[in-house]
Protein backbone atom coordinates (compact mmCIF):
# COMPACT_ATOMS: atom_id res chain seq x y z
CA UNK A 1 -5.30 55.63 39.23
CA UNK A 2 -6.24 56.30 42.07
CA UNK A 3 -4.34 58.62 44.59
CA UNK A 4 -1.11 57.68 42.96
CA UNK A 5 -2.33 53.79 42.29
CA UNK A 6 -2.82 51.87 40.12
CA UNK A 7 -5.94 50.19 39.48
CA UNK A 8 -6.32 46.91 36.99
CA UNK A 9 -9.52 47.15 35.13
CA UNK A 10 -10.77 44.42 32.03
CA UNK A 11 -8.88 46.49 30.22
CA UNK A 12 -6.11 47.92 31.31
CA UNK A 13 -5.43 44.31 32.81
CA UNK A 14 -2.70 41.64 30.82
CA UNK A 15 -4.11 38.67 29.66
CA UNK A 16 -3.75 35.50 31.45
CA UNK A 17 -0.87 33.42 29.71
CA UNK A 18 -2.92 30.56 27.53
CA UNK A 19 -3.02 27.77 30.11
CA UNK A 20 -3.67 29.87 32.74
CA UNK A 21 -7.61 30.93 30.93
CA UNK A 22 -10.47 29.01 31.30
CA UNK A 23 -8.94 26.77 34.16
CA UNK A 24 -10.82 26.32 36.42
CA UNK A 25 -9.69 26.11 39.75
CA UNK A 26 -11.59 24.14 42.33
CA UNK A 27 -10.61 24.29 45.92
CA UNK A 28 -8.39 21.93 47.08
CA UNK A 29 -6.85 20.85 50.86
CA UNK A 30 -3.29 19.83 50.61
CA UNK A 31 -2.49 18.29 54.31
CA UNK A 32 1.79 17.10 52.45
CA UNK A 33 3.06 16.11 49.47
CA UNK A 34 6.82 14.20 49.05
CA UNK A 35 8.76 14.20 46.23
CA UNK A 36 11.21 10.92 45.11
CA UNK A 37 13.82 11.83 43.08
CA UNK A 38 14.68 8.24 41.61
CA UNK A 39 10.79 7.58 40.18
CA UNK A 40 10.58 11.22 39.11
CA UNK A 41 7.37 11.08 41.50
CA UNK A 42 5.52 13.67 43.77
CA UNK A 43 2.71 11.96 45.92
CA UNK A 44 0.63 14.48 46.94
CA UNK A 45 -1.75 13.70 50.63
CA UNK A 46 -4.80 15.67 50.50
CA UNK A 47 -7.04 17.20 53.40
CA UNK A 48 -9.38 14.58 52.97
CA UNK A 49 -6.33 12.17 53.77
CA UNK A 50 -6.70 10.49 50.07
CA UNK A 51 -3.77 10.16 49.10
CA UNK A 52 -1.63 10.54 44.96
CA UNK A 53 1.22 9.63 43.07
CA UNK A 54 2.04 11.30 40.04
CA UNK A 55 4.49 10.75 37.72
CA UNK A 56 7.44 12.06 35.71
CA UNK A 57 7.13 15.16 37.87
CA UNK A 58 9.97 17.56 37.73
CA UNK A 59 12.32 18.07 40.63
CA UNK A 60 12.16 21.72 39.53
CA UNK A 61 8.11 21.24 39.52
CA UNK A 62 8.35 20.19 42.82
CA UNK A 63 10.56 22.86 44.20
CA UNK A 64 8.09 25.46 42.84
CA UNK A 65 5.31 24.07 44.73
CA UNK A 66 7.26 23.41 48.09
CA UNK A 67 7.41 27.48 47.72
CA UNK A 68 4.27 28.45 46.55
CA UNK A 69 2.30 30.66 49.50
CA UNK A 70 -0.71 28.88 48.20
CA UNK A 71 -0.06 24.87 47.08
CA UNK A 72 -3.43 24.42 46.28
CA UNK A 73 -3.34 26.86 43.80
CA UNK A 74 -0.31 26.36 42.18
CA UNK A 75 -1.94 21.98 42.05
CA UNK A 76 -5.18 23.86 40.68
CA UNK A 77 -2.79 25.42 37.55
CA UNK A 78 0.23 23.91 36.97
CA UNK A 79 -0.37 19.85 37.85
CA UNK A 80 -4.07 18.94 38.70
CA UNK A 81 -4.64 17.37 34.55
CA UNK A 82 -1.00 17.74 33.23
CA UNK A 83 0.84 14.61 35.10
CA UNK A 84 -0.44 11.48 35.05
CA UNK A 85 -1.64 10.16 38.26
CA UNK A 86 -2.83 6.77 40.59
CA UNK A 87 -3.75 7.13 43.81
CA UNK A 88 -2.00 4.84 47.26
CA UNK A 89 -3.42 3.09 48.78
CA UNK A 90 -4.67 4.84 52.45
CA UNK A 91 -2.64 4.32 55.27
CA UNK A 92 -3.51 0.72 57.40
CA UNK A 93 -5.15 2.56 60.58
CA UNK A 94 -3.63 2.63 63.50
CA UNK A 95 -3.92 -0.39 65.55
CA UNK A 96 -5.15 -0.66 69.82
CA UNK A 97 -3.00 -3.07 71.82
């Protein structure tokens, strides 16, 4: 303990839950996300502009994702690799008239 504050060490830190142990969390940039309740589909647009649709995502998970202070970290831990997904067609580029 330092000046009344508990210092966490490898010995005192609680073990991570099983689904977090060994989980790689590569940095991801998330630009936007929408949820389509009738399809239980979560659509995520990444900072690269690529868009993906994730199937069978519960509304409660989407709500937790949106409330998360770090959506990128939440995505890496709770969504990536856990749901079937497919890439959506990129939006058509704007045309000039």
